[in-house]
Amino acid sequence: MKVQLAGLELANPVIAASGTFGYGIEFEEIVSLERIGAFVTKGISLKPITGHPAPRIVQTAAGMLNAIGLQNIGVEEFVARKLPALARYPRCKVIVNVFGYSVSEYLGVIERLNHAEGIAAYELNVSCPNVHVGGMTFGADPGSLEYLVRQARSITQRPLIVKLSPNVTSIAHMAKVAAGAGADALSLVNTFLAMAIDVETRRPRLSNITGGLSGPAIKPIALRMVYEAAQAVSIPILGMGGIVTAEDAVEFLLAGAAAVEVGTASYADPRATERLAHSLESWCRGHHVERVSSLTRALEIPGNR
């Protein structure tokens, strides 16, 4: 079940996605952290962010909308209070999701984290649709994306994963831009910009008006984007978007992902990541798959030889 990802060896390809697993340590009494390959912290910024006012989460058909607004305690508090406790789980890799409103803020977070122990990699969040500055502003513009990734690459020796936005015209092009600028891996997709309206009050259901759509509703689109990105670049891809079952995960692996991130499923079942890791191993045994890594990019296209 071990997989290689941008120089890291993961015990299995199941990763808890950013924004759905807190800072990791909050789940230690619910999930056996060493039974998943890794987890990604919620977005960490230079200074604390309070996020958007409630309501910030709305259930939708086959998914949910969120507009949390990247609420977090800031990099200093994360390093001082959250990170040390994670040393108890050395087999579970800690990937820190990094966010900023400007290039200098992104770099400031990375520079502070560079001096901290226990971090396996960074996930550069250039795709959050729930903030008015930063996030998707970088992920939707090729020039801005290239500049940010190059700057981030230049100041760290840790693996750099770039989390791409699905709210673009060509995911393949953005994947090429990020890879060309020095990304060691890509994670995709983040949530899709969407909204919901309360017809009784005639008001948006989210205080931010719009939010990010996630869950099973987006899986077919996310799967297509992972496939397109995998055709465009050779660096590893972390696939995500509506993954609930082992079969969902296998689809993403076949489409080109080296590992998968599980997010919205953890809201319905806080142990979703651990259960998926177990069920994926069972699926591989039942289908005589000796190495789960052999599934990556193994999609068979009729007529192709």
Protein backbone atom coordinates (compact mmCIF):
# COMPACT_ATOMS: atom_id res chain seq x y z
CA MET A 1 0.00 0.00 0.00
CA LYS A 2 3.03 2.32 0.14
CA VAL A 3 3.28 5.06 -2.48
CA GLN A 4 5.95 7.58 -3.42
CA LEU A 5 4.94 11.21 -3.66
CA ALA A 6 7.41 13.98 -4.50
CA GLY A 7 10.19 12.28 -2.57
CA LEU A 8 7.95 11.23 0.31
CA GLU A 9 6.99 7.66 1.13
CA LEU A 10 3.42 7.34 2.38
CA ALA A 11 2.13 4.26 4.20
CA ASN A 12 -0.88 4.34 1.86
CA PRO A 13 -2.31 6.77 -0.71
CA VAL A 14 -5.14 8.13 1.48
CA ILE A 15 -4.72 11.72 2.68
CA ALA A 16 -7.11 13.86 4.72
CA ALA A 17 -7.81 17.06 2.78
CA SER A 18 -7.19 20.59 3.95
CA GLY A 19 -10.04 22.38 5.67
CA THR A 20 -11.77 19.15 6.70
CA PHE A 21 -9.31 17.76 9.26
CA GLY A 22 -8.47 20.78 11.42
CA TYR A 23 -4.78 20.84 12.35
CA GLY A 24 -4.75 17.05 12.53
CA ILE A 25 -4.35 16.70 16.26
CA GLU A 26 -8.07 17.36 16.83
CA PHE A 27 -8.81 14.00 15.18
CA GLU A 28 -6.40 11.86 17.21
CA GLU A 29 -9.17 10.43 19.43
CA ILE A 30 -11.35 9.62 16.42
CA VAL A 31 -8.97 8.51 13.68
CA SER A 32 -5.86 6.37 14.02
CA LEU A 33 -3.58 8.89 12.32
CA GLU A 34 -0.92 6.31 11.53
CA ARG A 35 -3.41 4.32 9.46
CA ILE A 36 -3.65 7.06 6.83
CA GLY A 37 -0.84 8.17 4.58
CA ALA A 38 -0.90 11.86 5.48
CA PHE A 39 -3.13 14.77 6.27
CA VAL A 40 -3.17 18.37 5.09
CA THR A 41 -3.70 21.08 7.69
CA LYS A 42 -6.30 23.75 7.20
CA GLY A 43 -4.88 26.80 5.42
CA ILE A 44 -2.20 28.53 7.50
CA SER A 45 -1.70 32.26 7.01
CA LEU A 46 0.87 34.76 8.29
CA LYS A 47 -1.60 36.28 10.76
CA PRO A 48 -4.76 34.75 12.29
CA ILE A 49 -7.91 34.97 10.15
CA THR A 50 -11.38 34.99 11.69
CA GLY A 51 -13.16 33.89 8.50
CA HIS A 52 -16.65 34.77 7.33
CA PRO A 53 -19.67 35.13 9.62
CA ALA A 54 -22.26 32.34 9.81
CA PRO A 55 -23.91 30.71 7.96
CA ARG A 56 -20.75 29.30 6.40
CA ILE A 57 -21.80 25.77 5.44
CA VAL A 58 -24.89 24.71 3.51
CA GLN A 59 -25.91 21.18 2.54
CA THR A 60 -26.74 20.70 -1.13
CA ALA A 61 -27.83 17.78 -3.29
CA ALA A 62 -24.96 15.25 -3.19
CA GLY A 63 -22.59 17.72 -1.59
CA MET A 64 -22.17 20.91 0.36
CA LEU A 65 -21.27 24.56 -0.02
CA ASN A 66 -18.76 26.20 2.28
CA ALA A 67 -17.49 29.73 2.72
CA ILE A 68 -15.38 29.44 5.85
CA GLY A 69 -13.02 32.15 4.67
CA LEU A 70 -9.82 30.33 5.69
CA GLN A 71 -10.29 30.83 9.41
CA ASN A 72 -7.06 29.80 11.18
CA ILE A 73 -4.83 30.61 14.14
CA GLY A 74 -1.88 31.89 12.12
CA VAL A 75 1.55 30.40 11.55
CA GLU A 76 3.09 31.36 14.91
CA GLU A 77 0.33 29.72 16.95
CA PHE A 78 0.34 26.69 14.68
CA VAL A 79 4.07 26.14 15.17
CA ALA A 80 3.90 26.74 18.91
CA ARG A 81 0.68 24.92 19.85
CA LYS A 82 -0.38 22.42 17.19
CA LEU A 83 2.71 21.10 15.44
CA PRO A 84 4.63 19.70 18.46
CA ALA A 85 1.80 17.31 19.41
CA LEU A 86 1.87 15.74 15.95
CA ALA A 87 5.34 14.32 16.61
CA ARG A 88 3.53 11.44 18.33
CA TYR A 89 2.53 10.12 14.91
CA PRO A 90 5.71 9.84 12.83
CA ARG A 91 4.20 7.50 10.20
CA CYS A 92 1.53 10.02 9.25
CA LYS A 93 3.06 12.76 7.12
CA VAL A 94 2.11 16.36 7.95
CA ILE A 95 1.48 18.54 4.89
CA VAL A 96 0.88 22.21 5.67
CA ASN A 97 -1.54 24.12 3.48
CA VAL A 98 -0.09 27.61 2.97
CA PHE A 99 -2.20 30.65 2.17
CA GLY A 100 -1.56 34.36 1.74
CA TYR A 101 -3.27 37.49 0.46
CA SER A 102 -0.06 38.46 -1.37
CA VAL A 103 3.13 36.80 -2.59
CA SER A 104 5.04 38.22 0.37
CA GLU A 105 2.54 36.69 2.80
CA TYR A 106 2.82 33.25 1.18
CA LEU A 107 6.60 33.48 1.40
CA GLY A 108 6.45 34.72 4.98
CA VAL A 109 4.50 31.65 6.05
CA ILE A 110 6.91 29.30 4.28
CA GLU A 111 9.95 31.03 5.74
CA ARG A 112 8.56 30.59 9.25
CA LEU A 113 7.65 26.95 8.63
CA ASN A 114 11.09 26.23 7.15
CA HIS A 115 12.50 26.48 10.69
CA ALA A 116 9.93 24.10 12.19
CA GLU A 117 10.35 20.37 12.62
CA GLY A 118 7.88 17.66 11.68
CA ILE A 119 6.60 19.05 8.37
CA ALA A 120 6.81 16.78 5.33
CA ALA A 121 5.67 19.14 2.58
CA TYR A 122 3.78 22.31 1.74
CA GLU A 123 0.52 22.53 -0.20
CA LEU A 124 0.37 25.95 -1.81
CA ASN A 125 -3.27 27.05 -1.76
CA VAL A 126 -3.78 29.07 -4.93
CA SER A 127 -7.38 28.03 -5.38
CA CYS A 128 -9.63 29.01 -2.49
CA PRO A 129 -12.80 30.57 -3.97
CA ASN A 130 -13.97 32.05 -0.66
CA VAL A 131 -11.64 35.02 -0.29
CA HIS A 132 -11.64 38.28 -2.23
CA VAL A 133 -7.84 38.62 -2.40
CA GLY A 134 -5.24 35.87 -2.85
CA GLY A 135 -6.24 32.23 -3.30
CA MET A 136 -8.05 31.82 -6.62
CA THR A 137 -6.66 35.21 -7.73
CA PHE A 138 -3.31 33.47 -8.20
CA GLY A 139 -4.68 30.13 -9.38
CA ALA A 140 -6.75 31.60 -12.21
CA ASP A 141 -3.97 33.69 -13.77
CA PRO A 142 -1.05 31.82 -15.39
CA GLY A 143 1.44 34.66 -14.90
CA SER A 144 0.60 35.15 -11.23
CA LEU A 145 0.66 31.40 -10.63
CA GLU A 146 4.07 30.99 -12.26
CA TYR A 147 5.59 33.86 -10.29
CA LEU A 148 4.24 32.65 -6.93
CA VAL A 149 5.34 29.04 -7.45
CA ARG A 150 8.83 30.11 -8.57
CA GLN A 151 9.22 32.34 -5.53
CA ALA A 152 8.01 29.63 -3.16
CA ARG A 153 10.28 27.04 -4.80
CA SER A 154 13.29 29.32 -4.35
CA ILE A 155 13.01 29.56 -0.56
CA THR A 156 12.35 25.98 0.50
CA GLN A 157 13.88 22.51 0.15
CA ARG A 158 10.67 20.77 1.21
CA PRO A 159 8.40 19.24 -1.43
CA LEU A 160 6.06 21.85 -2.89
CA ILE A 161 2.56 20.73 -3.84
CA VAL A 162 0.41 23.26 -5.68
CA LYS A 163 -3.35 23.03 -5.16
CA LEU A 164 -4.99 24.07 -8.41
CA SER A 165 -8.35 25.72 -8.93
CA PRO A 166 -11.00 24.02 -11.09
CA ASN A 167 -12.44 27.46 -11.88
CA VAL A 168 -10.24 27.90 -14.96
CA THR A 169 -10.60 27.44 -18.71
CA SER A 170 -7.85 24.82 -19.06
CA ILE A 171 -6.68 22.76 -16.08
CA ALA A 172 -4.01 21.17 -18.29
CA HIS A 173 -2.48 24.57 -19.03
CA MET A 174 -2.42 25.59 -15.38
CA ALA A 175 -0.88 22.23 -14.48
CA LYS A 176 1.90 22.84 -17.01
CA VAL A 177 2.49 26.34 -15.64
CA ALA A 178 2.80 25.10 -12.05
CA ALA A 179 5.04 22.18 -13.04
CA GLY A 180 7.25 24.42 -15.16
CA ALA A 181 7.64 26.86 -12.27
CA GLY A 182 8.97 24.16 -9.96
CA ALA A 183 6.03 22.38 -8.35
CA ASP A 184 6.96 18.89 -7.14
CA ALA A 185 3.34 17.71 -7.25
CA LEU A 186 -0.18 19.01 -7.89
CA SER A 187 -3.37 18.56 -5.91
CA LEU A 188 -6.71 18.96 -7.64
CA VAL A 189 -9.37 19.89 -7.52
CA ASN A 190 -10.39 22.49 -4.99
CA THR A 191 -14.05 23.42 -4.71
CA PHE A 192 -16.17 24.85 -7.52
CA LEU A 193 -17.54 28.38 -7.14
CA ALA A 194 -21.28 28.05 -6.51
CA MET A 195 -24.24 29.42 -4.55
CA ALA A 196 -27.59 28.53 -2.99
CA ILE A 197 -30.66 30.69 -2.37
CA ASP A 198 -33.38 30.45 0.28
CA VAL A 199 -36.58 30.99 -1.72
CA GLU A 200 -38.62 31.81 1.39
CA THR A 201 -36.39 34.68 2.52
CA ARG A 202 -35.11 35.40 -1.02
CA ARG A 203 -31.62 35.64 0.40
CA PRO A 204 -28.38 33.72 -0.26
CA ARG A 205 -27.94 30.79 2.11
CA LEU A 206 -24.31 31.75 2.73
CA SER A 207 -23.30 35.03 4.35
CA ASN A 208 -20.58 35.33 1.70
CA ILE A 209 -23.26 34.87 -1.03
CA THR A 210 -21.10 32.36 -2.92
CA GLY A 211 -18.98 29.46 -1.69
CA GLY A 212 -17.15 26.35 -2.76
CA LEU A 213 -19.11 23.27 -3.85
CA SER A 214 -17.66 19.89 -2.82
CA GLY A 215 -18.80 16.30 -2.33
CA PRO A 216 -19.98 13.52 -4.67
CA ALA A 217 -21.70 16.06 -6.94
CA ILE A 218 -18.35 17.25 -8.29
CA LYS A 219 -16.64 13.86 -8.66
CA PRO A 220 -17.13 13.32 -12.43
CA ILE A 221 -15.79 16.80 -13.19
CA ALA A 222 -12.88 16.43 -10.77
CA LEU A 223 -12.03 13.05 -12.26
CA ARG A 224 -11.93 14.53 -15.76
CA MET A 225 -9.63 17.31 -14.59
CA VAL A 226 -7.23 14.89 -12.89
CA TYR A 227 -7.09 12.91 -16.13
CA GLU A 228 -6.41 16.03 -18.21
CA ALA A 229 -3.69 17.23 -15.82
CA ALA A 230 -2.06 13.79 -15.81
CA GLN A 231 -1.89 13.91 -19.61
CA ALA A 232 -0.17 17.29 -19.45
CA VAL A 233 2.48 16.79 -16.74
CA SER A 234 4.66 14.00 -15.40
CA ILE A 235 4.86 15.14 -11.76
CA PRO A 236 2.67 13.33 -9.19
CA ILE A 237 -0.97 14.34 -8.76
CA LEU A 238 -3.12 14.18 -5.63
CA GLY A 239 -6.70 13.67 -6.78
CA MET A 240 -9.76 14.77 -4.85
CA GLY A 241 -13.41 15.61 -5.30
CA GLY A 242 -16.28 13.54 -3.92
CA ILE A 243 -14.27 10.50 -2.87
CA VAL A 244 -16.25 8.27 -0.47
CA THR A 245 -15.60 4.65 -1.42
CA ALA A 246 -12.60 2.54 -2.39
CA GLU A 247 -13.95 2.44 -5.94
CA ASP A 248 -13.98 6.25 -6.02
CA ALA A 249 -10.32 6.29 -5.00
CA VAL A 250 -9.41 3.68 -7.61
CA GLU A 251 -11.03 5.79 -10.32
CA PHE A 252 -8.82 8.74 -9.42
CA LEU A 253 -5.72 6.54 -9.34
CA LEU A 254 -6.51 5.11 -12.75
CA ALA A 255 -7.10 8.62 -14.11
CA GLY A 256 -3.60 9.61 -13.07
CA ALA A 257 -3.45 10.33 -9.34
CA ALA A 258 -0.60 8.95 -7.21
CA ALA A 259 -2.65 9.55 -4.04
CA VAL A 260 -6.09 10.84 -3.10
CA GLU A 261 -7.37 13.42 -0.65
CA VAL A 262 -10.65 12.91 1.21
CA GLY A 263 -12.52 15.97 2.41
CA THR A 264 -16.30 16.34 2.52
CA ALA A 265 -16.78 12.67 3.46
CA SER A 266 -15.23 13.46 6.86
CA TYR A 267 -18.20 15.71 7.68
CA ALA A 268 -20.60 12.79 7.33
CA ASP A 269 -18.20 10.29 8.93
CA PRO A 270 -15.24 11.67 10.91
CA ARG A 271 -13.46 8.32 10.42
CA ALA A 272 -13.91 8.37 6.65
CA THR A 273 -10.19 8.58 5.87
CA GLU A 274 -9.26 5.60 8.05
CA ARG A 275 -12.17 3.54 6.72
CA LEU A 276 -11.20 4.37 3.15
CA ALA A 277 -7.58 3.34 3.71
CA HIS A 278 -8.78 -0.03 5.02
CA SER A 279 -11.36 -0.56 2.28
CA LEU A 280 -8.87 0.38 -0.44
CA GLU A 281 -6.45 -2.25 0.84
CA SER A 282 -9.29 -4.80 0.84
CA TRP A 283 -10.23 -3.82 -2.70
CA CYS A 284 -6.65 -4.34 -3.86
CA ARG A 285 -6.52 -7.78 -2.23
CA GLY A 286 -9.84 -8.76 -3.76
CA HIS A 287 -8.70 -7.68 -7.23
CA HIS A 288 -5.22 -9.21 -6.94
CA VAL A 289 -3.48 -5.84 -7.09
CA GLU A 290 -0.08 -6.44 -5.49
CA ARG A 291 0.97 -2.77 -5.42
CA VAL A 292 -1.56 0.02 -5.19
CA SER A 293 0.89 2.28 -7.02
CA SER A 294 0.44 0.12 -10.13
CA LEU A 295 -3.05 1.59 -10.51
CA THR A 296 -1.74 5.12 -11.10
CA ARG A 297 -2.17 6.23 -14.73
CA ALA A 298 -3.31 2.69 -15.61
CA LEU A 299 -6.52 3.76 -17.36
CA GLU A 300 -7.11 1.74 -20.53
CA ILE A 301 -8.53 3.72 -23.42
CA PRO A 302 -10.31 1.59 -26.05
CA GLY A 303 -8.42 1.70 -29.33
CA ASN A 304 -5.14 2.86 -27.69
CA ARG A 305 -2.14 0.55 -27.68
